[in-house]
Amino acid sequence: MPHLIQLPTPFPVGPVNVYLLEGEPLTLIDCGPKHPETLAALEAGLAEHGHRLEDIRQLIITHHHMDHVGLAKTVVERSGASLLTHPFNVPYFADYEAERKRHLPF
């Protein structure tokens, strides 16, 4: 069963939704922007469902917007999760800060 976790963002767009899919492997769909408040909210949301960030085994990124990809490196480094995304999105992981600045008006 999917669980909705709503995360705050520092962007005018407001909060972003990510989804936790329980089962094997434990999967997170999208991860929110790279921001301390967002990370804290993600950890709290996972805890509500009995999980920690380190439990994630698979991270699926739906698209390259900063409010969906920012914490990908943190999730993968802390959990060892596999990262699945379309090849189009790969450059956004290579240099997050450059992409963040490019999309700042978002």
N, C-alpha and C. Protein backbone atom coordinates (compact mmCIF):
# COMPACT_ATOMS: atom_id res chain seq x y z
N MET A 1 0.85 -1.19 0.00
CA MET A 1 0.00 0.00 0.00
C MET A 1 0.89 1.25 0.00
N PRO A 2 0.61 2.20 -0.89
CA PRO A 2 1.41 3.43 -0.90
C PRO A 2 1.02 4.37 0.23
N HIS A 3 2.01 5.02 0.79
CA HIS A 3 1.78 6.02 1.83
C HIS A 3 2.24 7.38 1.31
N LEU A 4 1.38 8.37 1.38
CA LEU A 4 1.71 9.73 0.99
C LEU A 4 2.47 10.41 2.13
N ILE A 5 3.58 11.03 1.79
CA ILE A 5 4.33 11.85 2.75
C ILE A 5 4.47 13.23 2.11
N GLN A 6 3.91 14.23 2.74
CA GLN A 6 3.99 15.59 2.21
C GLN A 6 5.17 16.31 2.85
N LEU A 7 6.01 16.90 2.01
CA LEU A 7 7.24 17.53 2.49
C LEU A 7 7.24 19.03 2.20
N PRO A 8 7.72 19.83 3.16
CA PRO A 8 7.84 21.27 2.91
C PRO A 8 8.98 21.53 1.93
N THR A 9 8.86 22.62 1.19
CA THR A 9 9.94 23.05 0.30
C THR A 9 10.22 24.53 0.56
N PRO A 10 11.41 24.99 0.19
CA PRO A 10 11.70 26.42 0.31
C PRO A 10 11.25 27.19 -0.93
N PHE A 11 10.50 26.54 -1.81
CA PHE A 11 10.10 27.13 -3.08
C PHE A 11 8.68 27.68 -3.01
N PRO A 12 8.37 28.68 -3.84
CA PRO A 12 7.01 29.24 -3.86
C PRO A 12 5.94 28.21 -4.23
N VAL A 13 6.34 27.14 -4.89
CA VAL A 13 5.37 26.12 -5.30
C VAL A 13 4.71 25.45 -4.08
N GLY A 14 5.35 25.51 -2.92
CA GLY A 14 4.79 24.92 -1.71
C GLY A 14 5.25 23.49 -1.51
N PRO A 15 4.50 22.71 -0.72
CA PRO A 15 4.93 21.35 -0.39
C PRO A 15 4.91 20.42 -1.59
N VAL A 16 5.66 19.34 -1.47
CA VAL A 16 5.74 18.32 -2.51
C VAL A 16 5.32 16.98 -1.91
N ASN A 17 4.72 16.14 -2.72
CA ASN A 17 4.32 14.81 -2.29
C ASN A 17 5.35 13.79 -2.71
N VAL A 18 5.71 12.90 -1.79
CA VAL A 18 6.51 11.73 -2.10
C VAL A 18 5.71 10.52 -1.59
N TYR A 19 6.08 9.35 -2.07
CA TYR A 19 5.31 8.16 -1.73
C TYR A 19 6.24 7.05 -1.25
N LEU A 20 5.82 6.38 -0.20
CA LEU A 20 6.52 5.23 0.34
C LEU A 20 5.73 3.99 -0.06
N LEU A 21 6.39 3.07 -0.76
CA LEU A 21 5.75 1.81 -1.16
C LEU A 21 6.32 0.70 -0.30
N GLU A 22 5.47 0.14 0.55
CA GLU A 22 5.93 -0.94 1.42
C GLU A 22 5.95 -2.23 0.63
N GLY A 23 6.79 -3.12 1.02
CA GLY A 23 6.97 -4.38 0.33
C GLY A 23 8.45 -4.55 0.04
N GLU A 24 8.74 -5.52 -0.80
CA GLU A 24 10.13 -5.81 -1.12
C GLU A 24 10.39 -5.44 -2.56
N PRO A 25 11.22 -4.48 -2.84
CA PRO A 25 12.00 -3.69 -1.90
C PRO A 25 11.21 -2.48 -1.38
N LEU A 26 11.57 -2.01 -0.21
CA LEU A 26 10.97 -0.79 0.33
C LEU A 26 11.38 0.35 -0.60
N THR A 27 10.38 1.04 -1.15
CA THR A 27 10.63 2.01 -2.22
C THR A 27 10.11 3.38 -1.86
N LEU A 28 10.90 4.39 -2.18
CA LEU A 28 10.49 5.78 -2.04
C LEU A 28 10.39 6.36 -3.44
N ILE A 29 9.26 6.99 -3.74
CA ILE A 29 9.07 7.65 -5.03
C ILE A 29 9.22 9.15 -4.80
N ASP A 30 10.27 9.70 -5.39
CA ASP A 30 10.69 11.09 -5.23
C ASP A 30 11.17 11.31 -3.79
N CYS A 31 11.87 12.44 -3.56
CA CYS A 31 12.48 12.59 -2.24
C CYS A 31 12.50 14.03 -1.72
N GLY A 32 12.01 14.98 -2.49
CA GLY A 32 11.98 16.35 -2.02
C GLY A 32 13.28 17.08 -2.26
N PRO A 33 13.28 18.40 -2.03
CA PRO A 33 14.47 19.22 -2.27
C PRO A 33 15.53 19.06 -1.18
N LYS A 34 16.73 19.45 -1.52
CA LYS A 34 17.84 19.39 -0.56
C LYS A 34 17.70 20.58 0.38
N HIS A 35 17.10 20.31 1.54
CA HIS A 35 16.84 21.36 2.52
C HIS A 35 16.69 20.69 3.89
N PRO A 36 17.26 21.26 4.96
CA PRO A 36 17.19 20.61 6.27
C PRO A 36 15.77 20.32 6.75
N GLU A 37 14.85 21.26 6.53
CA GLU A 37 13.46 21.05 6.95
C GLU A 37 12.83 19.88 6.20
N THR A 38 13.16 19.78 4.93
CA THR A 38 12.60 18.70 4.12
C THR A 38 13.13 17.36 4.58
N LEU A 39 14.42 17.28 4.85
CA LEU A 39 15.01 16.03 5.34
C LEU A 39 14.37 15.62 6.66
N ALA A 40 14.20 16.56 7.57
CA ALA A 40 13.57 16.26 8.86
C ALA A 40 12.15 15.76 8.67
N ALA A 41 11.40 16.38 7.76
CA ALA A 41 10.02 15.96 7.50
C ALA A 41 9.98 14.58 6.85
N LEU A 42 10.93 14.30 5.96
CA LEU A 42 10.99 12.98 5.34
C LEU A 42 11.27 11.91 6.39
N GLU A 43 12.23 12.17 7.25
CA GLU A 43 12.54 11.20 8.31
C GLU A 43 11.35 10.99 9.24
N ALA A 44 10.64 12.07 9.57
CA ALA A 44 9.45 11.95 10.43
C ALA A 44 8.35 11.17 9.72
N GLY A 45 8.16 11.44 8.44
CA GLY A 45 7.14 10.73 7.67
C GLY A 45 7.43 9.24 7.56
N LEU A 46 8.68 8.90 7.34
CA LEU A 46 9.05 7.49 7.30
C LEU A 46 8.83 6.84 8.66
N ALA A 47 9.18 7.54 9.73
CA ALA A 47 9.02 7.00 11.09
C ALA A 47 7.55 6.73 11.41
N GLU A 48 6.65 7.56 10.89
CA GLU A 48 5.21 7.33 11.10
C GLU A 48 4.77 5.97 10.57
N HIS A 49 5.51 5.45 9.62
CA HIS A 49 5.17 4.16 9.02
C HIS A 49 6.15 3.06 9.44
N GLY A 50 6.94 3.36 10.50
CA GLY A 50 7.82 2.35 11.07
C GLY A 50 9.13 2.15 10.34
N HIS A 51 9.57 3.16 9.58
CA HIS A 51 10.81 3.01 8.81
C HIS A 51 11.77 4.16 9.08
N ARG A 52 13.02 3.93 8.72
CA ARG A 52 14.05 4.96 8.77
C ARG A 52 14.56 5.17 7.35
N LEU A 53 15.23 6.27 7.13
CA LEU A 53 15.80 6.55 5.82
C LEU A 53 16.72 5.41 5.38
N GLU A 54 17.45 4.86 6.32
CA GLU A 54 18.40 3.78 6.04
C GLU A 54 17.71 2.50 5.57
N ASP A 55 16.39 2.39 5.77
CA ASP A 55 15.65 1.19 5.35
C ASP A 55 15.29 1.19 3.87
N ILE A 56 15.34 2.35 3.23
CA ILE A 56 14.93 2.46 1.82
C ILE A 56 15.89 1.63 0.96
N ARG A 57 15.33 0.81 0.07
CA ARG A 57 16.15 -0.03 -0.81
C ARG A 57 16.10 0.41 -2.26
N GLN A 58 15.08 1.22 -2.59
CA GLN A 58 14.93 1.66 -3.97
C GLN A 58 14.35 3.07 -3.97
N LEU A 59 14.97 3.97 -4.72
CA LEU A 59 14.48 5.34 -4.88
C LEU A 59 14.15 5.54 -6.35
N ILE A 60 12.90 5.89 -6.62
CA ILE A 60 12.46 6.17 -7.98
C ILE A 60 12.22 7.67 -8.10
N ILE A 61 12.89 8.29 -9.06
CA ILE A 61 12.70 9.71 -9.32
C ILE A 61 11.84 9.86 -10.57
N THR A 62 10.70 10.52 -10.43
CA THR A 62 9.76 10.64 -11.54
C THR A 62 10.19 11.66 -12.58
N HIS A 63 10.78 12.76 -12.13
CA HIS A 63 11.24 13.80 -13.05
C HIS A 63 12.27 14.69 -12.35
N HIS A 64 12.91 15.55 -13.11
CA HIS A 64 14.09 16.27 -12.65
C HIS A 64 13.86 17.55 -11.88
N HIS A 65 12.66 17.93 -11.58
CA HIS A 65 12.44 19.20 -10.86
C HIS A 65 13.12 19.16 -9.49
N MET A 66 13.67 20.30 -9.09
CA MET A 66 14.44 20.41 -7.86
C MET A 66 13.65 19.97 -6.62
N ASP A 67 12.33 20.16 -6.65
CA ASP A 67 11.54 19.76 -5.48
C ASP A 67 11.31 18.24 -5.43
N HIS A 68 11.82 17.51 -6.42
CA HIS A 68 11.67 16.05 -6.44
C HIS A 68 12.99 15.30 -6.33
N VAL A 69 14.12 15.96 -6.65
CA VAL A 69 15.39 15.24 -6.73
C VAL A 69 16.44 15.63 -5.68
N GLY A 70 16.25 16.72 -4.98
CA GLY A 70 17.31 17.29 -4.15
C GLY A 70 17.92 16.38 -3.11
N LEU A 71 17.12 15.55 -2.48
CA LEU A 71 17.64 14.67 -1.42
C LEU A 71 18.09 13.31 -1.93
N ALA A 72 18.13 13.13 -3.24
CA ALA A 72 18.47 11.82 -3.79
C ALA A 72 19.84 11.33 -3.32
N LYS A 73 20.84 12.20 -3.37
CA LYS A 73 22.18 11.80 -2.95
C LYS A 73 22.19 11.38 -1.48
N THR A 74 21.50 12.14 -0.64
CA THR A 74 21.43 11.82 0.79
C THR A 74 20.75 10.47 1.01
N VAL A 75 19.63 10.24 0.33
CA VAL A 75 18.90 8.98 0.48
C VAL A 75 19.79 7.81 0.06
N VAL A 76 20.41 7.92 -1.11
CA VAL A 76 21.24 6.83 -1.62
C VAL A 76 22.46 6.59 -0.72
N GLU A 77 23.12 7.66 -0.29
CA GLU A 77 24.31 7.49 0.56
C GLU A 77 23.97 6.88 1.90
N ARG A 78 22.86 7.29 2.50
CA ARG A 78 22.52 6.78 3.84
C ARG A 78 21.89 5.40 3.81
N SER A 79 21.23 5.05 2.71
CA SER A 79 20.51 3.78 2.67
C SER A 79 21.15 2.72 1.79
N GLY A 80 21.97 3.16 0.84
CA GLY A 80 22.50 2.21 -0.15
C GLY A 80 21.46 1.84 -1.19
N ALA A 81 20.38 2.60 -1.26
CA ALA A 81 19.28 2.31 -2.19
C ALA A 81 19.73 2.42 -3.64
N SER A 82 19.09 1.64 -4.48
CA SER A 82 19.25 1.77 -5.93
C SER A 82 18.46 2.99 -6.37
N LEU A 83 19.00 3.74 -7.32
CA LEU A 83 18.32 4.91 -7.86
C LEU A 83 17.83 4.59 -9.26
N LEU A 84 16.52 4.73 -9.47
CA LEU A 84 15.92 4.47 -10.77
C LEU A 84 15.30 5.75 -11.29
N THR A 85 15.64 6.10 -12.53
CA THR A 85 15.08 7.30 -13.16
C THR A 85 15.30 7.21 -14.66
N HIS A 86 14.65 8.06 -15.40
CA HIS A 86 14.84 8.12 -16.85
C HIS A 86 16.23 8.72 -17.13
N PRO A 87 16.92 8.26 -18.16
CA PRO A 87 18.25 8.81 -18.48
C PRO A 87 18.26 10.33 -18.66
N PHE A 88 17.16 10.92 -19.08
CA PHE A 88 17.07 12.37 -19.24
C PHE A 88 17.39 13.09 -17.93
N ASN A 89 17.08 12.47 -16.80
CA ASN A 89 17.25 13.10 -15.50
C ASN A 89 18.68 13.07 -14.96
N VAL A 90 19.53 12.24 -15.53
CA VAL A 90 20.87 12.02 -14.98
C VAL A 90 21.69 13.30 -14.82
N PRO A 91 21.71 14.24 -15.78
CA PRO A 91 22.51 15.46 -15.58
C PRO A 91 22.12 16.25 -14.33
N TYR A 92 20.89 16.14 -13.90
CA TYR A 92 20.44 16.88 -12.73
C TYR A 92 21.03 16.31 -11.44
N PHE A 93 21.49 15.08 -11.49
CA PHE A 93 22.13 14.48 -10.32
C PHE A 93 23.63 14.78 -10.32
N ALA A 94 24.19 15.01 -11.49
CA ALA A 94 25.63 15.24 -11.61
C ALA A 94 26.07 16.54 -10.94
N ASP A 95 25.27 17.60 -11.07
CA ASP A 95 25.63 18.89 -10.47
C ASP A 95 24.36 19.56 -9.96
N TYR A 96 23.89 19.10 -8.82
CA TYR A 96 22.64 19.60 -8.25
C TYR A 96 22.67 21.11 -8.05
N GLU A 97 23.77 21.63 -7.50
CA GLU A 97 23.83 23.06 -7.19
C GLU A 97 23.71 23.92 -8.45
N ALA A 98 24.36 23.53 -9.53
CA ALA A 98 24.25 24.29 -10.78
C ALA A 98 22.82 24.26 -11.29
N GLU A 99 22.18 23.11 -11.22
CA GLU A 99 20.79 23.00 -11.67
C GLU A 99 19.86 23.78 -10.76
N ARG A 100 20.13 23.76 -9.47
CA ARG A 100 19.29 24.50 -8.53
C ARG A 100 19.34 26.00 -8.85
N LYS A 101 20.53 26.51 -9.10
CA LYS A 101 20.67 27.94 -9.42
C LYS A 101 19.99 28.27 -10.74
N ARG A 102 20.10 27.37 -11.69
CA ARG A 102 19.48 27.58 -13.00
C ARG A 102 17.96 27.64 -12.89
N HIS A 103 17.40 26.89 -11.95
CA HIS A 103 15.95 26.82 -11.79
C HIS A 103 15.43 27.68 -10.64
N LEU A 104 16.27 28.53 -10.08
CA LEU A 104 15.89 29.33 -8.91
C LEU A 104 14.56 30.06 -9.08
N PRO A 105 14.25 30.63 -10.25
CA PRO A 105 12.95 31.31 -10.39
C PRO A 105 11.76 30.40 -10.17
N PHE A 106 11.95 29.08 -10.28
CA PHE A 106 10.87 28.11 -10.07
C PHE A 106 10.25 28.36 -8.72
